[in-house]
Amino acid sequence: MGAYFIALIDIEDEDGYAEYLGGFDQVFASYDGRVVAVEDNAQVLEGVWPAARTVLIRFPDESALRDWYDSPEYQAIREHRLRSARCRVAIVRSREPKEKR
């Protein structure tokens, strides 16, 4: 079953966040995920959206997501994100069958 990494982000330090982004692609390329969307102006249909930036990343399963997120390489760059932005992050499991790798 597929799994999504969803991040709601309010960037407070653009330079610090740029350090995170500067290492992201290289680390992410080693894992089996796909960045589905990065949106700075979500079109809100109901209520109040709780963040300026929304990031949606799809993985074939939760194990692949956790391999990326828990990796020492990602944890090293994650520190830049945590220092420079207010983040809310969650795993949401897909209702679709597991993707083929």
N, C-alpha and C. Protein backbone atom coordinates (compact mmCIF):
# COMPACT_ATOMS: atom_id res chain seq x y z
N MET A 1 0.84 -1.18 0.00
CA MET A 1 0.00 0.00 0.00
C MET A 1 0.88 1.23 0.00
N GLY A 2 0.62 2.17 -0.89
CA GLY A 2 1.40 3.39 -0.99
C GLY A 2 1.29 4.22 0.28
N ALA A 3 2.24 5.13 0.45
CA ALA A 3 2.24 6.02 1.60
C ALA A 3 2.66 7.41 1.14
N TYR A 4 2.03 8.41 1.73
CA TYR A 4 2.34 9.79 1.42
C TYR A 4 2.99 10.47 2.62
N PHE A 5 4.00 11.28 2.34
CA PHE A 5 4.62 12.17 3.31
C PHE A 5 3.99 13.53 3.04
N ILE A 6 3.32 14.09 4.03
CA ILE A 6 2.68 15.40 3.89
C ILE A 6 3.33 16.34 4.89
N ALA A 7 3.80 17.48 4.39
CA ALA A 7 4.41 18.49 5.26
C ALA A 7 3.70 19.82 5.04
N LEU A 8 3.33 20.43 6.14
CA LEU A 8 2.78 21.79 6.15
C LEU A 8 3.85 22.67 6.76
N ILE A 9 4.32 23.64 6.01
CA ILE A 9 5.55 24.36 6.38
C ILE A 9 5.35 25.87 6.32
N ASP A 10 5.80 26.54 7.37
CA ASP A 10 5.90 27.99 7.39
C ASP A 10 7.37 28.34 7.53
N ILE A 11 7.96 28.85 6.47
CA ILE A 11 9.38 29.17 6.45
C ILE A 11 9.61 30.47 7.21
N GLU A 12 10.53 30.42 8.17
CA GLU A 12 10.85 31.59 8.99
C GLU A 12 12.22 32.16 8.67
N ASP A 13 13.09 31.35 8.07
CA ASP A 13 14.46 31.77 7.70
C ASP A 13 14.74 31.22 6.31
N GLU A 14 14.60 32.09 5.31
CA GLU A 14 14.76 31.66 3.90
C GLU A 14 16.15 31.07 3.63
N ASP A 15 17.20 31.67 4.19
CA ASP A 15 18.56 31.18 3.95
C ASP A 15 18.75 29.80 4.56
N GLY A 16 18.27 29.60 5.77
CA GLY A 16 18.37 28.30 6.41
C GLY A 16 17.59 27.24 5.65
N TYR A 17 16.42 27.61 5.17
CA TYR A 17 15.60 26.66 4.42
C TYR A 17 16.27 26.34 3.08
N ALA A 18 16.95 27.31 2.51
CA ALA A 18 17.69 27.08 1.26
C ALA A 18 18.79 26.04 1.47
N GLU A 19 19.39 26.01 2.66
CA GLU A 19 20.39 24.97 2.95
C GLU A 19 19.73 23.59 2.93
N TYR A 20 18.54 23.48 3.48
CA TYR A 20 17.80 22.22 3.44
C TYR A 20 17.53 21.81 1.99
N LEU A 21 16.99 22.73 1.21
CA LEU A 21 16.68 22.43 -0.18
C LEU A 21 17.93 22.09 -0.98
N GLY A 22 19.05 22.72 -0.64
CA GLY A 22 20.30 22.47 -1.35
C GLY A 22 20.78 21.04 -1.26
N GLY A 23 20.43 20.34 -0.19
CA GLY A 23 20.82 18.95 -0.04
C GLY A 23 19.72 17.95 -0.31
N PHE A 24 18.50 18.45 -0.47
CA PHE A 24 17.34 17.56 -0.57
C PHE A 24 17.41 16.63 -1.79
N ASP A 25 17.58 17.18 -2.97
CA ASP A 25 17.51 16.36 -4.19
C ASP A 25 18.54 15.24 -4.19
N GLN A 26 19.75 15.53 -3.76
CA GLN A 26 20.79 14.51 -3.75
C GLN A 26 20.42 13.35 -2.81
N VAL A 27 19.92 13.68 -1.62
CA VAL A 27 19.51 12.63 -0.68
C VAL A 27 18.29 11.89 -1.20
N PHE A 28 17.30 12.63 -1.67
CA PHE A 28 16.04 12.03 -2.10
C PHE A 28 16.22 11.09 -3.29
N ALA A 29 17.16 11.39 -4.17
CA ALA A 29 17.38 10.58 -5.38
C ALA A 29 17.72 9.13 -5.07
N SER A 30 18.24 8.86 -3.88
CA SER A 30 18.63 7.50 -3.51
C SER A 30 17.46 6.65 -3.02
N TYR A 31 16.28 7.25 -2.93
CA TYR A 31 15.12 6.54 -2.38
C TYR A 31 14.00 6.48 -3.40
N ASP A 32 13.06 5.62 -3.16
CA ASP A 32 12.02 5.31 -4.15
C ASP A 32 10.77 6.16 -3.96
N GLY A 33 10.95 7.47 -3.93
CA GLY A 33 9.82 8.36 -3.75
C GLY A 33 9.63 9.26 -4.95
N ARG A 34 8.50 9.95 -4.95
CA ARG A 34 8.19 10.90 -6.03
C ARG A 34 7.54 12.13 -5.40
N VAL A 35 8.14 13.28 -5.63
CA VAL A 35 7.54 14.52 -5.16
C VAL A 35 6.33 14.80 -6.05
N VAL A 36 5.15 14.76 -5.46
CA VAL A 36 3.91 14.93 -6.20
C VAL A 36 3.56 16.41 -6.32
N ALA A 37 3.73 17.17 -5.23
CA ALA A 37 3.36 18.59 -5.25
C ALA A 37 4.13 19.37 -4.20
N VAL A 38 4.46 20.59 -4.57
CA VAL A 38 4.96 21.59 -3.62
C VAL A 38 4.17 22.85 -3.96
N GLU A 39 3.38 23.31 -3.01
CA GLU A 39 2.47 24.43 -3.28
C GLU A 39 2.61 25.50 -2.21
N ASP A 40 2.86 26.72 -2.65
CA ASP A 40 2.96 27.83 -1.71
C ASP A 40 1.66 28.61 -1.57
N ASN A 41 0.71 28.33 -2.38
CA ASN A 41 -0.58 29.02 -2.31
C ASN A 41 -1.71 28.05 -2.58
N ALA A 42 -1.93 27.13 -1.65
CA ALA A 42 -2.99 26.15 -1.84
C ALA A 42 -4.34 26.85 -2.00
N GLN A 43 -5.14 26.37 -2.91
CA GLN A 43 -6.48 26.91 -3.10
C GLN A 43 -7.38 26.27 -2.05
N VAL A 44 -7.76 27.02 -1.07
CA VAL A 44 -8.54 26.51 0.06
C VAL A 44 -10.01 26.48 -0.32
N LEU A 45 -10.61 25.31 -0.19
CA LEU A 45 -12.04 25.17 -0.49
C LEU A 45 -12.90 25.36 0.75
N GLU A 46 -12.37 24.98 1.91
CA GLU A 46 -13.10 25.12 3.17
C GLU A 46 -12.13 25.40 4.30
N GLY A 47 -12.52 26.21 5.23
CA GLY A 47 -11.71 26.45 6.41
C GLY A 47 -10.49 27.31 6.13
N VAL A 48 -9.52 27.20 7.03
CA VAL A 48 -8.28 27.97 6.94
C VAL A 48 -7.12 26.98 6.82
N TRP A 49 -6.33 27.14 5.77
CA TRP A 49 -5.18 26.25 5.58
C TRP A 49 -4.10 26.64 6.59
N PRO A 50 -3.51 25.66 7.29
CA PRO A 50 -2.64 25.99 8.42
C PRO A 50 -1.18 26.29 8.09
N ALA A 51 -0.83 26.42 6.83
CA ALA A 51 0.58 26.67 6.50
C ALA A 51 0.68 27.34 5.15
N ALA A 52 1.81 28.01 4.94
CA ALA A 52 2.05 28.68 3.66
C ALA A 52 2.44 27.68 2.57
N ARG A 53 3.26 26.67 2.93
CA ARG A 53 3.74 25.69 1.94
C ARG A 53 3.20 24.31 2.30
N THR A 54 2.76 23.59 1.27
CA THR A 54 2.32 22.21 1.42
C THR A 54 3.18 21.36 0.50
N VAL A 55 3.72 20.26 1.05
CA VAL A 55 4.55 19.34 0.27
C VAL A 55 3.92 17.96 0.35
N LEU A 56 3.79 17.31 -0.80
CA LEU A 56 3.22 15.97 -0.87
C LEU A 56 4.19 15.07 -1.63
N ILE A 57 4.65 14.01 -0.97
CA ILE A 57 5.60 13.07 -1.56
C ILE A 57 5.00 11.67 -1.45
N ARG A 58 5.04 10.91 -2.54
CA ARG A 58 4.48 9.56 -2.56
C ARG A 58 5.61 8.53 -2.57
N PHE A 59 5.41 7.49 -1.78
CA PHE A 59 6.33 6.34 -1.74
C PHE A 59 5.51 5.08 -2.01
N PRO A 60 6.17 4.02 -2.49
CA PRO A 60 5.44 2.78 -2.78
C PRO A 60 4.80 2.17 -1.53
N ASP A 61 5.41 2.40 -0.38
CA ASP A 61 4.88 1.87 0.88
C ASP A 61 5.50 2.64 2.04
N GLU A 62 4.97 2.40 3.23
CA GLU A 62 5.46 3.11 4.40
C GLU A 62 6.91 2.77 4.72
N SER A 63 7.31 1.55 4.44
CA SER A 63 8.69 1.14 4.69
C SER A 63 9.67 1.98 3.86
N ALA A 64 9.35 2.20 2.60
CA ALA A 64 10.21 3.02 1.73
C ALA A 64 10.26 4.46 2.24
N LEU A 65 9.13 4.98 2.68
CA LEU A 65 9.08 6.33 3.23
C LEU A 65 9.97 6.42 4.46
N ARG A 66 9.84 5.46 5.36
CA ARG A 66 10.65 5.49 6.59
C ARG A 66 12.13 5.28 6.30
N ASP A 67 12.46 4.48 5.27
CA ASP A 67 13.87 4.31 4.89
C ASP A 67 14.49 5.67 4.55
N TRP A 68 13.74 6.48 3.78
CA TRP A 68 14.22 7.81 3.42
C TRP A 68 14.25 8.73 4.64
N TYR A 69 13.12 8.85 5.34
CA TYR A 69 13.01 9.81 6.44
C TYR A 69 13.98 9.50 7.57
N ASP A 70 14.16 8.24 7.89
CA ASP A 70 15.03 7.85 9.01
C ASP A 70 16.50 7.73 8.63
N SER A 71 16.81 7.88 7.34
CA SER A 71 18.21 7.72 6.91
C SER A 71 19.09 8.79 7.54
N PRO A 72 20.33 8.45 7.84
CA PRO A 72 21.25 9.45 8.40
C PRO A 72 21.43 10.65 7.48
N GLU A 73 21.40 10.42 6.18
CA GLU A 73 21.57 11.50 5.22
C GLU A 73 20.41 12.50 5.30
N TYR A 74 19.19 11.98 5.36
CA TYR A 74 18.05 12.90 5.45
C TYR A 74 18.01 13.57 6.82
N GLN A 75 18.28 12.84 7.86
CA GLN A 75 18.25 13.43 9.19
C GLN A 75 19.25 14.59 9.30
N ALA A 76 20.37 14.49 8.59
CA ALA A 76 21.37 15.56 8.62
C ALA A 76 20.84 16.84 7.97
N ILE A 77 20.16 16.73 6.83
CA ILE A 77 19.63 17.94 6.20
C ILE A 77 18.33 18.40 6.87
N ARG A 78 17.61 17.48 7.44
CA ARG A 78 16.35 17.80 8.14
C ARG A 78 16.59 18.85 9.23
N GLU A 79 17.73 18.80 9.85
CA GLU A 79 18.06 19.77 10.90
C GLU A 79 17.96 21.21 10.38
N HIS A 80 18.36 21.45 9.13
CA HIS A 80 18.23 22.79 8.54
C HIS A 80 16.76 23.19 8.45
N ARG A 81 15.91 22.25 8.04
CA ARG A 81 14.47 22.54 7.93
C ARG A 81 13.88 22.86 9.29
N LEU A 82 14.23 22.07 10.29
CA LEU A 82 13.66 22.28 11.62
C LEU A 82 14.10 23.60 12.24
N ARG A 83 15.32 24.03 11.93
CA ARG A 83 15.82 25.31 12.47
C ARG A 83 15.24 26.51 11.75
N SER A 84 14.82 26.33 10.50
CA SER A 84 14.43 27.47 9.69
C SER A 84 12.93 27.57 9.39
N ALA A 85 12.15 26.59 9.84
CA ALA A 85 10.72 26.60 9.52
C ALA A 85 9.91 25.91 10.60
N ARG A 86 8.67 26.33 10.69
CA ARG A 86 7.71 25.63 11.56
C ARG A 86 7.04 24.58 10.68
N CYS A 87 7.13 23.32 11.09
CA CYS A 87 6.68 22.22 10.24
C CYS A 87 5.72 21.30 10.98
N ARG A 88 4.75 20.83 10.25
CA ARG A 88 3.87 19.77 10.70
C ARG A 88 3.95 18.69 9.63
N VAL A 89 4.31 17.48 10.04
CA VAL A 89 4.59 16.41 9.08
C VAL A 89 3.81 15.17 9.48
N ALA A 90 3.27 14.46 8.48
CA ALA A 90 2.51 13.25 8.77
C ALA A 90 2.70 12.23 7.65
N ILE A 91 2.45 10.98 8.00
CA ILE A 91 2.37 9.90 7.01
C ILE A 91 0.89 9.59 6.83
N VAL A 92 0.48 9.52 5.59
CA VAL A 92 -0.90 9.14 5.27
C VAL A 92 -0.81 7.94 4.33
N ARG A 93 -1.46 6.85 4.71
CA ARG A 93 -1.42 5.63 3.91
C ARG A 93 -2.46 5.69 2.79
N SER A 94 -2.06 5.25 1.63
CA SER A 94 -2.95 5.22 0.47
C SER A 94 -3.95 4.07 0.62
N ARG A 95 -5.08 4.22 -0.01
CA ARG A 95 -6.07 3.15 -0.03
C ARG A 95 -5.89 2.28 -1.27
N GLU A 96 -4.96 2.68 -2.13
CA GLU A 96 -4.68 1.94 -3.36
C GLU A 96 -3.76 0.76 -3.05
N PRO A 97 -3.77 -0.26 -3.91
CA PRO A 97 -2.83 -1.37 -3.72
C PRO A 97 -1.40 -0.89 -3.79
N LYS A 98 -0.49 -1.66 -3.23
CA LYS A 98 0.94 -1.33 -3.22
C LYS A 98 1.44 -1.16 -4.65
N GLU A 99 2.25 -0.12 -4.85
CA GLU A 99 2.85 0.11 -6.16
C GLU A 99 3.96 -0.89 -6.42
N LYS A 100 4.20 -1.20 -7.67
CA LYS A 100 5.32 -2.04 -8.04
C LYS A 100 6.57 -1.20 -8.01
N ARG A 101 7.67 -1.76 -7.53
CA ARG A 101 8.95 -1.05 -7.48
C ARG A 101 9.71 -1.26 -8.76
